[in-house]
Amino acid sequence: MGDSTIIKVDGDRSPTGALGQHYLASGTSVSMRLWQEQPPSDPDPEVARDYETVGYVVSGSAELHSEGQVVVLSAGDSWVVPRGAVHTYKITEAFTAVEATHPPAQVHGRDEPAGS
């Protein structure tokens, strides 16, 4: 029989990362994080991450810049950033989104700010 452990993360007590993300539930191969009310901003430096990201916009809007493409993200949209794709986000309106990453972003230094 496989692992049957259920993990719950209390949203009020979830850890916060250096970029403002809230780490939610995390399994051995996938994790979730929340970007809550991120203010409008210019893009951070581009980065390529050692994980795949799928996301869903709860509210607000942003531009996803990746590999020469610009994708406008608005409430109700979802997206995928492939593992290793060079990308950045420009927040254009207070932005709340939920993302899942595979493998989990917060382990082994995968989610450190660009240039760290």
PDB file of N, CA and C in Angstrom:
ATOM      1  N   MET A   1       0.843  -1.175   0.000  1.00  0.00           N
ATOM      2  CA  MET A   1       0.000   0.000   0.000  1.00  0.00           C
ATOM      3  C   MET A   1       0.891   1.242   0.000  1.00  0.00           C
ATOM      4  N   GLY A   2       0.533   2.234  -0.803  1.00  0.00           N
ATOM      5  CA  GLY A   2       1.289   3.478  -0.906  1.00  0.00           C
ATOM      6  C   GLY A   2       1.036   4.403   0.269  1.00  0.00           C
ATOM      7  N   ASP A   3       1.709   5.520   0.249  1.00  0.00           N
ATOM      8  CA  ASP A   3       1.558   6.541   1.281  1.00  0.00           C
ATOM      9  C   ASP A   3       0.129   7.067   1.257  1.00  0.00           C
ATOM     10  N   SER A   4      -0.525   7.077   2.394  1.00  0.00           N
ATOM     11  CA  SER A   4      -1.902   7.568   2.469  1.00  0.00           C
ATOM     12  C   SER A   4      -1.998   8.817   3.354  1.00  0.00           C
ATOM     13  N   THR A   5      -0.869   9.456   3.604  1.00  0.00           N
ATOM     14  CA  THR A   5      -0.834  10.643   4.453  1.00  0.00           C
ATOM     15  C   THR A   5      -1.469  11.833   3.742  1.00  0.00           C
ATOM     16  N   ILE A   6      -2.383  12.494   4.402  1.00  0.00           N
ATOM     17  CA  ILE A   6      -2.993  13.709   3.874  1.00  0.00           C
ATOM     18  C   ILE A   6      -2.296  14.892   4.514  1.00  0.00           C
ATOM     19  N   ILE A   7      -1.937  15.878   3.700  1.00  0.00           N
ATOM     20  CA  ILE A   7      -1.254  17.068   4.193  1.00  0.00           C
ATOM     21  C   ILE A   7      -2.179  18.263   4.035  1.00  0.00           C
ATOM     22  N   LYS A   8      -2.294  19.047   5.093  1.00  0.00           N
ATOM     23  CA  LYS A   8      -3.085  20.276   5.042  1.00  0.00           C
ATOM     24  C   LYS A   8      -2.173  21.429   5.430  1.00  0.00           C
ATOM     25  N   VAL A   9      -2.271  22.541   4.692  1.00  0.00           N
ATOM     26  CA  VAL A   9      -1.541  23.752   5.040  1.00  0.00           C
ATOM     27  C   VAL A   9      -2.571  24.824   5.355  1.00  0.00           C
ATOM     28  N   ASP A  10      -2.510  25.373   6.544  1.00  0.00           N
ATOM     29  CA  ASP A  10      -3.410  26.461   6.960  1.00  0.00           C
ATOM     30  C   ASP A  10      -2.994  27.722   6.217  1.00  0.00           C
ATOM     31  N   GLY A  11      -3.867  28.268   5.409  1.00  0.00           N
ATOM     32  CA  GLY A  11      -3.551  29.437   4.588  1.00  0.00           C
ATOM     33  C   GLY A  11      -3.044  30.626   5.375  1.00  0.00           C
ATOM     34  N   ASP A  12      -3.513  30.780   6.611  1.00  0.00           N
ATOM     35  CA  ASP A  12      -3.057  31.895   7.442  1.00  0.00           C
ATOM     36  C   ASP A  12      -1.637  31.702   7.952  1.00  0.00           C
ATOM     37  N   ARG A  13      -1.130  30.479   7.874  1.00  0.00           N
ATOM     38  CA  ARG A  13       0.193  30.179   8.412  1.00  0.00           C
ATOM     39  C   ARG A  13       1.157  29.634   7.363  1.00  0.00           C
ATOM     40  N   SER A  14       0.803  29.751   6.103  1.00  0.00           N
ATOM     41  CA  SER A  14       1.669  29.185   5.064  1.00  0.00           C
ATOM     42  C   SER A  14       2.974  29.967   4.967  1.00  0.00           C
ATOM     43  N   PRO A  15       4.084  29.273   4.716  1.00  0.00           N
ATOM     44  CA  PRO A  15       5.374  29.957   4.578  1.00  0.00           C
ATOM     45  C   PRO A  15       5.362  30.902   3.381  1.00  0.00           C
ATOM     46  N   THR A  16       6.153  31.961   3.457  1.00  0.00           N
ATOM     47  CA  THR A  16       6.262  32.940   2.374  1.00  0.00           C
ATOM     48  C   THR A  16       7.672  32.906   1.823  1.00  0.00           C
ATOM     49  N   GLY A  17       7.784  32.942   0.487  1.00  0.00           N
ATOM     50  CA  GLY A  17       9.087  32.939  -0.165  1.00  0.00           C
ATOM     51  C   GLY A  17       9.632  34.346  -0.363  1.00  0.00           C
ATOM     52  N   ALA A  18      10.882  34.413  -0.799  1.00  0.00           N
ATOM     53  CA  ALA A  18      11.592  35.684  -0.980  1.00  0.00           C
ATOM     54  C   ALA A  18      10.959  36.580  -2.040  1.00  0.00           C
ATOM     55  N   LEU A  19      10.168  36.018  -2.944  1.00  0.00           N
ATOM     56  CA  LEU A  19       9.541  36.806  -4.007  1.00  0.00           C
ATOM     57  C   LEU A  19       8.104  37.207  -3.672  1.00  0.00           C
ATOM     58  N   GLY A  20       7.627  36.842  -2.475  1.00  0.00           N
ATOM     59  CA  GLY A  20       6.274  37.189  -2.053  1.00  0.00           C
ATOM     60  C   GLY A  20       5.265  36.066  -2.216  1.00  0.00           C
ATOM     61  N   GLN A  21       5.685  34.925  -2.696  1.00  0.00           N
ATOM     62  CA  GLN A  21       4.780  33.797  -2.882  1.00  0.00           C
ATOM     63  C   GLN A  21       4.486  33.117  -1.546  1.00  0.00           C
ATOM     64  N   HIS A  22       3.266  32.600  -1.416  1.00  0.00           N
ATOM     65  CA  HIS A  22       2.862  31.817  -0.247  1.00  0.00           C
ATOM     66  C   HIS A  22       2.889  30.355  -0.681  1.00  0.00           C
ATOM     67  N   TYR A  23       3.662  29.546   0.027  1.00  0.00           N
ATOM     68  CA  TYR A  23       3.729  28.126  -0.294  1.00  0.00           C
ATOM     69  C   TYR A  23       2.555  27.397   0.338  1.00  0.00           C
ATOM     70  N   LEU A  24       1.816  26.692  -0.480  1.00  0.00           N
ATOM     71  CA  LEU A  24       0.641  25.951  -0.038  1.00  0.00           C
ATOM     72  C   LEU A  24       1.029  24.480   0.087  1.00  0.00           C
ATOM     73  N   ALA A  25       0.111  23.583  -0.145  1.00  0.00           N
ATOM     74  CA  ALA A  25       0.385  22.155  -0.006  1.00  0.00           C
ATOM     75  C   ALA A  25       1.470  21.703  -0.977  1.00  0.00           C
ATOM     76  N   SER A  26       2.277  20.749  -0.508  1.00  0.00           N
ATOM     77  CA  SER A  26       3.363  20.223  -1.322  1.00  0.00           C
ATOM     78  C   SER A  26       3.464  18.723  -1.128  1.00  0.00           C
ATOM     79  N   GLY A  27       3.473  18.006  -2.237  1.00  0.00           N
ATOM     80  CA  GLY A  27       3.701  16.571  -2.201  1.00  0.00           C
ATOM     81  C   GLY A  27       5.125  16.266  -2.631  1.00  0.00           C
ATOM     82  N   THR A  28       5.390  15.019  -2.962  1.00  0.00           N
ATOM     83  CA  THR A  28       6.738  14.647  -3.380  1.00  0.00           C
ATOM     84  C   THR A  28       7.036  15.058  -4.816  1.00  0.00           C
ATOM     85  N   SER A  29       6.003  15.215  -5.653  1.00  0.00           N
ATOM     86  CA  SER A  29       6.275  15.547  -7.048  1.00  0.00           C
ATOM     87  C   SER A  29       5.586  16.815  -7.551  1.00  0.00           C
ATOM     88  N   VAL A  30       4.707  17.405  -6.755  1.00  0.00           N
ATOM     89  CA  VAL A  30       4.031  18.636  -7.171  1.00  0.00           C
ATOM     90  C   VAL A  30       3.761  19.498  -5.937  1.00  0.00           C
ATOM     91  N   SER A  31       3.777  20.817  -6.138  1.00  0.00           N
ATOM     92  CA  SER A  31       3.456  21.730  -5.035  1.00  0.00           C
ATOM     93  C   SER A  31       2.616  22.881  -5.565  1.00  0.00           C
ATOM     94  N   MET A  32       1.985  23.590  -4.627  1.00  0.00           N
ATOM     95  CA  MET A  32       1.165  24.746  -4.980  1.00  0.00           C
ATOM     96  C   MET A  32       1.707  25.976  -4.276  1.00  0.00           C
ATOM     97  N   ARG A  33       1.485  27.125  -4.916  1.00  0.00           N
ATOM     98  CA  ARG A  33       1.822  28.396  -4.285  1.00  0.00           C
ATOM     99  C   ARG A  33       0.808  29.439  -4.711  1.00  0.00           C
ATOM    100  N   LEU A  34       0.704  30.490  -3.894  1.00  0.00           N
ATOM    101  CA  LEU A  34      -0.257  31.560  -4.119  1.00  0.00           C
ATOM    102  C   LEU A  34       0.484  32.876  -4.218  1.00  0.00           C
ATOM    103  N   TRP A  35       0.169  33.625  -5.243  1.00  0.00           N
ATOM    104  CA  TRP A  35       0.638  35.013  -5.386  1.00  0.00           C
ATOM    105  C   TRP A  35      -0.586  35.857  -5.094  1.00  0.00           C
ATOM    106  N   GLN A  36      -0.588  36.585  -3.978  1.00  0.00           N
ATOM    107  CA  GLN A  36      -1.787  37.275  -3.524  1.00  0.00           C
ATOM    108  C   GLN A  36      -1.612  38.779  -3.575  1.00  0.00           C
ATOM    109  N   GLU A  37      -2.489  39.436  -4.367  1.00  0.00           N
ATOM    110  CA  GLU A  37      -2.510  40.894  -4.479  1.00  0.00           C
ATOM    111  C   GLU A  37      -1.116  41.476  -4.746  1.00  0.00           C
ATOM    112  N   GLN A  38      -0.421  40.877  -5.715  1.00  0.00           N
ATOM    113  CA  GLN A  38       0.883  41.400  -6.116  1.00  0.00           C
ATOM    114  C   GLN A  38       0.661  42.737  -6.819  1.00  0.00           C
ATOM    115  N   PRO A  39       1.356  43.789  -6.411  1.00  0.00           N
ATOM    116  CA  PRO A  39       1.112  45.121  -6.986  1.00  0.00           C
ATOM    117  C   PRO A  39       1.682  45.237  -8.400  1.00  0.00           C
ATOM    118  N   PRO A  40       1.152  46.174  -9.186  1.00  0.00           N
ATOM    119  CA  PRO A  40       1.715  46.409 -10.515  1.00  0.00           C
ATOM    120  C   PRO A  40       3.216  46.668 -10.406  1.00  0.00           C
ATOM    121  N   SER A  41       3.963  46.148 -11.392  1.00  0.00           N
ATOM    122  CA  SER A  41       5.421  46.285 -11.352  1.00  0.00           C
ATOM    123  C   SER A  41       6.004  46.074 -12.739  1.00  0.00           C
ATOM    124  N   ASP A  42       7.207  46.571 -12.899  1.00  0.00           N
ATOM    125  CA  ASP A  42       7.971  46.263 -14.103  1.00  0.00           C
ATOM    126  C   ASP A  42       8.439  44.819 -14.002  1.00  0.00           C
ATOM    127  N   PRO A  43       8.815  44.222 -15.121  1.00  0.00           N
ATOM    128  CA  PRO A  43       9.264  42.828 -15.066  1.00  0.00           C
ATOM    129  C   PRO A  43      10.553  42.676 -14.263  1.00  0.00           C
ATOM    130  N   ASP A  44      10.659  41.575 -13.530  1.00  0.00           N
ATOM    131  CA  ASP A  44      11.916  41.187 -12.909  1.00  0.00           C
ATOM    132  C   ASP A  44      12.838  40.673 -14.013  1.00  0.00           C
ATOM    133  N   PRO A  45      14.126  40.470 -13.717  1.00  0.00           N
ATOM    134  CA  PRO A  45      15.009  39.869 -14.736  1.00  0.00           C
ATOM    135  C   PRO A  45      14.462  38.510 -15.181  1.00  0.00           C
ATOM    136  N   GLU A  46      14.696  38.188 -16.446  1.00  0.00           N
ATOM    137  CA  GLU A  46      14.251  36.884 -16.947  1.00  0.00           C
ATOM    138  C   GLU A  46      14.985  35.768 -16.222  1.00  0.00           C
ATOM    139  N   VAL A  47      14.313  34.631 -16.111  1.00  0.00           N
ATOM    140  CA  VAL A  47      14.880  33.489 -15.411  1.00  0.00           C
ATOM    141  C   VAL A  47      14.381  32.206 -16.083  1.00  0.00           C
ATOM    142  N   ALA A  48      15.177  31.154 -16.008  1.00  0.00           N
ATOM    143  CA  ALA A  48      14.758  29.818 -16.437  1.00  0.00           C
ATOM    144  C   ALA A  48      14.738  28.949 -15.188  1.00  0.00           C
ATOM    145  N   ARG A  49      13.633  28.320 -14.905  1.00  0.00           N
ATOM    146  CA  ARG A  49      13.477  27.536 -13.679  1.00  0.00           C
ATOM    147  C   ARG A  49      13.556  26.041 -13.964  1.00  0.00           C
ATOM    148  N   ASP A  50      14.015  25.300 -12.965  1.00  0.00           N
ATOM    149  CA  ASP A  50      14.160  23.853 -13.084  1.00  0.00           C
ATOM    150  C   ASP A  50      12.877  23.141 -12.647  1.00  0.00           C
ATOM    151  N   TYR A  51      11.736  23.679 -13.083  1.00  0.00           N
ATOM    152  CA  TYR A  51      10.438  23.054 -12.835  1.00  0.00           C
ATOM    153  C   TYR A  51       9.435  23.581 -13.855  1.00  0.00           C
ATOM    154  N   GLU A  52       8.373  22.826 -14.066  1.00  0.00           N
ATOM    155  CA  GLU A  52       7.261  23.249 -14.911  1.00  0.00           C
ATOM    156  C   GLU A  52       6.229  23.942 -14.028  1.00  0.00           C
ATOM    157  N   THR A  53       5.611  24.993 -14.548  1.00  0.00           N
ATOM    158  CA  THR A  53       4.591  25.735 -13.805  1.00  0.00           C
ATOM    159  C   THR A  53       3.290  25.745 -14.590  1.00  0.00           C
ATOM    160  N   VAL A  54       2.189  25.443 -13.914  1.00  0.00           N
ATOM    161  CA  VAL A  54       0.855  25.697 -14.458  1.00  0.00           C
ATOM    162  C   VAL A  54       0.182  26.655 -13.488  1.00  0.00           C
ATOM    163  N   GLY A  55      -0.536  27.642 -14.020  1.00  0.00           N
ATOM    164  CA  GLY A  55      -1.130  28.645 -13.157  1.00  0.00           C
ATOM    165  C   GLY A  55      -2.541  28.996 -13.560  1.00  0.00           C
ATOM    166  N   TYR A  56      -3.230  29.653 -12.627  1.00  0.00           N
ATOM    167  CA  TYR A  56      -4.595  30.112 -12.837  1.00  0.00           C
ATOM    168  C   TYR A  56      -4.726  31.496 -12.217  1.00  0.00           C
ATOM    169  N   VAL A  57      -5.243  32.467 -12.987  1.00  0.00           N
ATOM    170  CA  VAL A  57      -5.423  33.833 -12.508  1.00  0.00           C
ATOM    171  C   VAL A  57      -6.763  33.944 -11.790  1.00  0.00           C
ATOM    172  N   VAL A  58      -6.709  34.312 -10.508  1.00  0.00           N
ATOM    173  CA  VAL A  58      -7.914  34.530  -9.714  1.00  0.00           C
ATOM    174  C   VAL A  58      -8.444  35.933  -9.968  1.00  0.00           C
ATOM    175  N   SER A  59      -7.535  36.930  -9.949  1.00  0.00           N
ATOM    176  CA  SER A  59      -7.944  38.307 -10.209  1.00  0.00           C
ATOM    177  C   SER A  59      -6.753  39.111 -10.695  1.00  0.00           C
ATOM    178  N   GLY A  60      -7.039  40.244 -11.325  1.00  0.00           N
ATOM    179  CA  GLY A  60      -5.988  41.118 -11.822  1.00  0.00           C
ATOM    180  C   GLY A  60      -5.502  40.713 -13.197  1.00  0.00           C
ATOM    181  N   SER A  61      -4.343  41.268 -13.577  1.00  0.00           N
ATOM    182  CA  SER A  61      -3.784  40.944 -14.892  1.00  0.00           C
ATOM    183  C   SER A  61      -2.270  41.113 -14.875  1.00  0.00           C
ATOM    184  N   ALA A  62      -1.644  40.401 -15.803  1.00  0.00           N
ATOM    185  CA  ALA A  62      -0.191  40.431 -15.936  1.00  0.00           C
ATOM    186  C   ALA A  62       0.164  40.061 -17.363  1.00  0.00           C
ATOM    187  N   GLU A  63       1.397  40.361 -17.732  1.00  0.00           N
ATOM    188  CA  GLU A  63       1.955  39.900 -18.999  1.00  0.00           C
ATOM    189  C   GLU A  63       3.016  38.863 -18.676  1.00  0.00           C
ATOM    190  N   LEU A  64       2.943  37.740 -19.344  1.00  0.00           N
ATOM    191  CA  LEU A  64       3.963  36.705 -19.249  1.00  0.00           C
ATOM    192  C   LEU A  64       4.842  36.834 -20.481  1.00  0.00           C
ATOM    193  N   HIS A  65       6.113  37.144 -20.281  1.00  0.00           N
ATOM    194  CA  HIS A  65       7.087  37.272 -21.371  1.00  0.00           C
ATOM    195  C   HIS A  65       7.941  36.011 -21.355  1.00  0.00           C
ATOM    196  N   SER A  66       7.949  35.262 -22.457  1.00  0.00           N
ATOM    197  CA  SER A  66       8.711  34.023 -22.510  1.00  0.00           C
ATOM    198  C   SER A  66       9.133  33.696 -23.931  1.00  0.00           C
ATOM    199  N   GLU A  67      10.432  33.523 -24.096  1.00  0.00           N
ATOM    200  CA  GLU A  67      10.981  33.027 -25.360  1.00  0.00           C
ATOM    201  C   GLU A  67      10.447  33.826 -26.558  1.00  0.00           C
ATOM    202  N   GLY A  68      10.380  35.162 -26.429  1.00  0.00           N
ATOM    203  CA  GLY A  68       9.926  36.018 -27.521  1.00  0.00           C
ATOM    204  C   GLY A  68       8.424  36.195 -27.617  1.00  0.00           C
ATOM    205  N   GLN A  69       7.668  35.562 -26.749  1.00  0.00           N
ATOM    206  CA  GLN A  69       6.212  35.688 -26.739  1.00  0.00           C
ATOM    207  C   GLN A  69       5.775  36.592 -25.587  1.00  0.00           C
ATOM    208  N   VAL A  70       4.656  37.282 -25.764  1.00  0.00           N
ATOM    209  CA  VAL A  70       4.028  38.021 -24.677  1.00  0.00           C
ATOM    210  C   VAL A  70       2.585  37.521 -24.596  1.00  0.00           C
ATOM    211  N   VAL A  71       2.226  36.972 -23.441  1.00  0.00           N
ATOM    212  CA  VAL A  71       0.892  36.433 -23.227  1.00  0.00           C
ATOM    213  C   VAL A  71       0.226  37.271 -22.136  1.00  0.00           C
ATOM    214  N   VAL A  72      -0.940  37.852 -22.445  1.00  0.00           N
ATOM    215  CA  VAL A  72      -1.683  38.635 -21.462  1.00  0.00           C
ATOM    216  C   VAL A  72      -2.531  37.670 -20.639  1.00  0.00           C
ATOM    217  N   LEU A  73      -2.377  37.760 -19.308  1.00  0.00           N
ATOM    218  CA  LEU A  73      -3.107  36.893 -18.388  1.00  0.00           C
ATOM    219  C   LEU A  73      -4.122  37.728 -17.616  1.00  0.00           C
ATOM    220  N   SER A  74      -5.385  37.308 -17.632  1.00  0.00           N
ATOM    221  CA  SER A  74      -6.471  37.999 -16.921  1.00  0.00           C
ATOM    222  C   SER A  74      -7.271  36.982 -16.126  1.00  0.00           C
ATOM    223  N   ALA A  75      -8.122  37.474 -15.232  1.00  0.00           N
ATOM    224  CA  ALA A  75      -8.935  36.601 -14.379  1.00  0.00           C
ATOM    225  C   ALA A  75      -9.601  35.501 -15.202  1.00  0.00           C
ATOM    226  N   GLY A  76      -9.464  34.272 -14.739  1.00  0.00           N
ATOM    227  CA  GLY A  76     -10.044  33.114 -15.418  1.00  0.00           C
ATOM    228  C   GLY A  76      -9.101  32.422 -16.381  1.00  0.00           C
ATOM    229  N   ASP A  77      -7.971  33.065 -16.722  1.00  0.00           N
ATOM    230  CA  ASP A  77      -7.002  32.452 -17.637  1.00  0.00           C
ATOM    231  C   ASP A  77      -6.110  31.466 -16.883  1.00  0.00           C
ATOM    232  N   SER A  78      -5.601  30.491 -17.606  1.00  0.00           N
ATOM    233  CA  SER A  78      -4.594  29.590 -17.064  1.00  0.00           C
ATOM    234  C   SER A  78      -3.447  29.513 -18.057  1.00  0.00           C
ATOM    235  N   TRP A  79      -2.269  29.085 -17.587  1.00  0.00           N
ATOM    236  CA  TRP A  79      -1.084  29.066 -18.433  1.00  0.00           C
ATOM    237  C   TRP A  79      -0.125  27.974 -17.997  1.00  0.00           C
ATOM    238  N   VAL A  80       0.821  27.693 -18.882  1.00  0.00           N
ATOM    239  CA  VAL A  80       1.901  26.745 -18.612  1.00  0.00           C
ATOM    240  C   VAL A  80       3.215  27.395 -19.001  1.00  0.00           C
ATOM    241  N   VAL A  81       4.213  27.329 -18.100  1.00  0.00           N
ATOM    242  CA  VAL A  81       5.584  27.701 -18.431  1.00  0.00           C
ATOM    243  C   VAL A  81       6.394  26.411 -18.365  1.00  0.00           C
ATOM    244  N   PRO A  82       6.914  25.944 -19.499  1.00  0.00           N
ATOM    245  CA  PRO A  82       7.679  24.695 -19.490  1.00  0.00           C
ATOM    246  C   PRO A  82       8.948  24.809 -18.651  1.00  0.00           C
ATOM    247  N   ARG A  83       9.379  23.695 -18.138  1.00  0.00           N
ATOM    248  CA  ARG A  83      10.635  23.620 -17.391  1.00  0.00           C
ATOM    249  C   ARG A  83      11.763  24.141 -18.280  1.00  0.00           C
ATOM    250  N   GLY A  84      12.556  25.072 -17.754  1.00  0.00           N
ATOM    251  CA  GLY A  84      13.712  25.600 -18.483  1.00  0.00           C
ATOM    252  C   GLY A  84      13.425  26.757 -19.414  1.00  0.00           C
ATOM    253  N   ALA A  85      12.154  27.141 -19.582  1.00  0.00           N
ATOM    254  CA  ALA A  85      11.829  28.267 -20.475  1.00  0.00           C
ATOM    255  C   ALA A  85      12.247  29.585 -19.824  1.00  0.00           C
ATOM    256  N   VAL A  86      12.921  30.435 -20.570  1.00  0.00           N
ATOM    257  CA  VAL A  86      13.322  31.757 -20.074  1.00  0.00           C
ATOM    258  C   VAL A  86      12.076  32.638 -20.052  1.00  0.00           C
ATOM    259  N   HIS A  87      11.790  33.259 -18.881  1.00  0.00           N
ATOM    260  CA  HIS A  87      10.540  34.019 -18.764  1.00  0.00           C
ATOM    261  C   HIS A  87      10.609  35.056 -17.652  1.00  0.00           C
ATOM    262  N   THR A  88       9.629  35.967 -17.659  1.00  0.00           N
ATOM    263  CA  THR A  88       9.400  36.933 -16.594  1.00  0.00           C
ATOM    264  C   THR A  88       7.948  37.385 -16.674  1.00  0.00           C
ATOM    265  N   TYR A  89       7.486  38.028 -15.610  1.00  0.00           N
ATOM    266  CA  TYR A  89       6.119  38.547 -15.553  1.00  0.00           C
ATOM    267  C   TYR A  89       6.152  40.049 -15.334  1.00  0.00           C
ATOM    268  N   LYS A  90       5.221  40.743 -15.955  1.00  0.00           N
ATOM    269  CA  LYS A  90       4.987  42.159 -15.690  1.00  0.00           C
ATOM    270  C   LYS A  90       3.568  42.260 -15.150  1.00  0.00           C
ATOM    271  N   ILE A  91       3.435  42.648 -13.885  1.00  0.00           N
ATOM    272  CA  ILE A  91       2.111  42.774 -13.274  1.00  0.00           C
ATOM    273  C   ILE A  91       1.521  44.107 -13.714  1.00  0.00           C
ATOM    274  N   THR A  92       0.336  44.075 -14.331  1.00  0.00           N
ATOM    275  CA  THR A  92      -0.287  45.294 -14.847  1.00  0.00           C
ATOM    276  C   THR A  92      -1.471  45.770 -13.995  1.00  0.00           C
ATOM    277  N   GLU A  93      -2.029  44.874 -13.182  1.00  0.00           N
ATOM    278  CA  GLU A  93      -3.124  45.193 -12.262  1.00  0.00           C
ATOM    279  C   GLU A  93      -3.003  44.242 -11.075  1.00  0.00           C
ATOM    280  N   ALA A  94      -3.233  44.714  -9.842  1.00  0.00           N
ATOM    281  CA  ALA A  94      -3.070  43.874  -8.642  1.00  0.00           C
ATOM    282  C   ALA A  94      -3.455  42.430  -8.976  1.00  0.00           C
ATOM    283  N   PHE A  95      -2.518  41.494  -8.770  1.00  0.00           N
ATOM    284  CA  PHE A  95      -2.568  40.152  -9.353  1.00  0.00           C
ATOM    285  C   PHE A  95      -2.617  39.086  -8.273  1.00  0.00           C
ATOM    286  N   THR A  96      -3.623  38.221  -8.369  1.00  0.00           N
ATOM    287  CA  THR A  96      -3.713  37.049  -7.505  1.00  0.00           C
ATOM    288  C   THR A  96      -3.812  35.822  -8.401  1.00  0.00           C
ATOM    289  N   ALA A  97      -2.920  34.862  -8.162  1.00  0.00           N
ATOM    290  CA  ALA A  97      -2.894  33.650  -8.969  1.00  0.00           C
ATOM    291  C   ALA A  97      -2.448  32.472  -8.121  1.00  0.00           C
ATOM    292  N   VAL A  98      -2.883  31.293  -8.509  1.00  0.00           N
ATOM    293  CA  VAL A  98      -2.458  30.043  -7.897  1.00  0.00           C
ATOM    294  C   VAL A  98      -1.662  29.285  -8.941  1.00  0.00           C
ATOM    295  N   GLU A  99      -0.528  28.730  -8.510  1.00  0.00           N
ATOM    296  CA  GLU A  99       0.312  27.947  -9.418  1.00  0.00           C
ATOM    297  C   GLU A  99       0.606  26.583  -8.805  1.00  0.00           C
ATOM    298  N   ALA A 100       0.811  25.626  -9.675  1.00  0.00           N
ATOM    299  CA  ALA A 100       1.336  24.318  -9.283  1.00  0.00           C
ATOM    300  C   ALA A 100       2.652  24.135 -10.018  1.00  0.00           C
ATOM    301  N   THR A 101       3.640  23.568  -9.329  1.00  0.00           N
ATOM    302  CA  THR A 101       4.947  23.351  -9.942  1.00  0.00           C
ATOM    303  C   THR A 101       5.353  21.892  -9.809  1.00  0.00           C
ATOM    304  N   HIS A 102       6.015  21.399 -10.837  1.00  0.00           N
ATOM    305  CA  HIS A 102       6.531  20.026 -10.844  1.00  0.00           C
ATOM    306  C   HIS A 102       7.959  20.047 -11.366  1.00  0.00           C
ATOM    307  N   PRO A 103       8.911  19.589 -10.599  1.00  0.00           N
ATOM    308  CA  PRO A 103       8.824  19.201  -9.198  1.00  0.00           C
ATOM    309  C   PRO A 103       8.592  20.417  -8.314  1.00  0.00           C
ATOM    310  N   PRO A 104       8.378  20.219  -7.001  1.00  0.00           N
ATOM    311  CA  PRO A 104       8.097  21.340  -6.109  1.00  0.00           C
ATOM    312  C   PRO A 104       9.146  22.446  -6.207  1.00  0.00           C
ATOM    313  N   ALA A 105       8.675  23.686  -6.381  1.00  0.00           N
ATOM    314  CA  ALA A 105       9.561  24.829  -6.594  1.00  0.00           C
ATOM    315  C   ALA A 105      10.416  25.160  -5.383  1.00  0.00           C
ATOM    316  N   GLN A 106       9.890  24.961  -4.185  1.00  0.00           N
ATOM    317  CA  GLN A 106      10.546  25.480  -2.996  1.00  0.00           C
ATOM    318  C   GLN A 106      11.665  24.596  -2.445  1.00  0.00           C
ATOM    319  N   VAL A 107      11.946  23.464  -3.054  1.00  0.00           N
ATOM    320  CA  VAL A 107      13.023  22.597  -2.547  1.00  0.00           C
ATOM    321  C   VAL A 107      14.266  22.702  -3.427  1.00  0.00           C
ATOM    322  N   HIS A 108      15.401  22.416  -2.840  1.00  0.00           N
ATOM    323  CA  HIS A 108      16.694  22.397  -3.528  1.00  0.00           C
ATOM    324  C   HIS A 108      17.049  23.739  -4.188  1.00  0.00           C
ATOM    325  N   GLY A 109      16.533  24.858  -3.658  1.00  0.00           N
ATOM    326  CA  GLY A 109      16.896  26.179  -4.172  1.00  0.00           C
ATOM    327  C   GLY A 109      16.302  26.510  -5.530  1.00  0.00           C
ATOM    328  N   ARG A 110      15.333  25.756  -5.993  1.00  0.00           N
ATOM    329  CA  ARG A 110      14.760  25.982  -7.333  1.00  0.00           C
ATOM    330  C   ARG A 110      14.036  27.314  -7.459  1.00  0.00           C
ATOM    331  N   ASP A 111      13.551  27.864  -6.339  1.00  0.00           N
ATOM    332  CA  ASP A 111      12.688  29.038  -6.381  1.00  0.00           C
ATOM    333  C   ASP A 111      13.373  30.306  -5.885  1.00  0.00           C
ATOM    334  N   GLU A 112      14.695  30.316  -5.876  1.00  0.00           N
ATOM    335  CA  GLU A 112      15.435  31.489  -5.414  1.00  0.00           C
ATOM    336  C   GLU A 112      15.263  32.629  -6.406  1.00  0.00           C
ATOM    337  N   PRO A 113      15.328  33.884  -5.930  1.00  0.00           N
ATOM    338  CA  PRO A 113      15.247  35.029  -6.852  1.00  0.00           C
ATOM    339  C   PRO A 113      16.341  34.955  -7.918  1.00  0.00           C
ATOM    340  N   ALA A 114      16.062  35.503  -9.086  1.00  0.00           N
ATOM    341  CA  ALA A 114      17.045  35.515 -10.180  1.00  0.00           C
ATOM    342  C   ALA A 114      18.334  36.188  -9.682  1.00  0.00           C
ATOM    343  N   GLY A 115      19.476  35.595 -10.028  1.00  0.00           N
ATOM    344  CA  GLY A 115      20.755  36.159  -9.638  1.00  0.00           C
ATOM    345  C   GLY A 115      21.242  35.742  -8.265  1.00  0.00           C
ATOM    346  N   SER A 116      20.454  34.899  -7.541  1.00  0.00           N
ATOM    347  CA  SER A 116      20.884  34.470  -6.201  1.00  0.00           C
ATOM    348  C   SER A 116      21.896  33.351  -6.294  1.00  0.00           C
TER     349      SER A 116
END
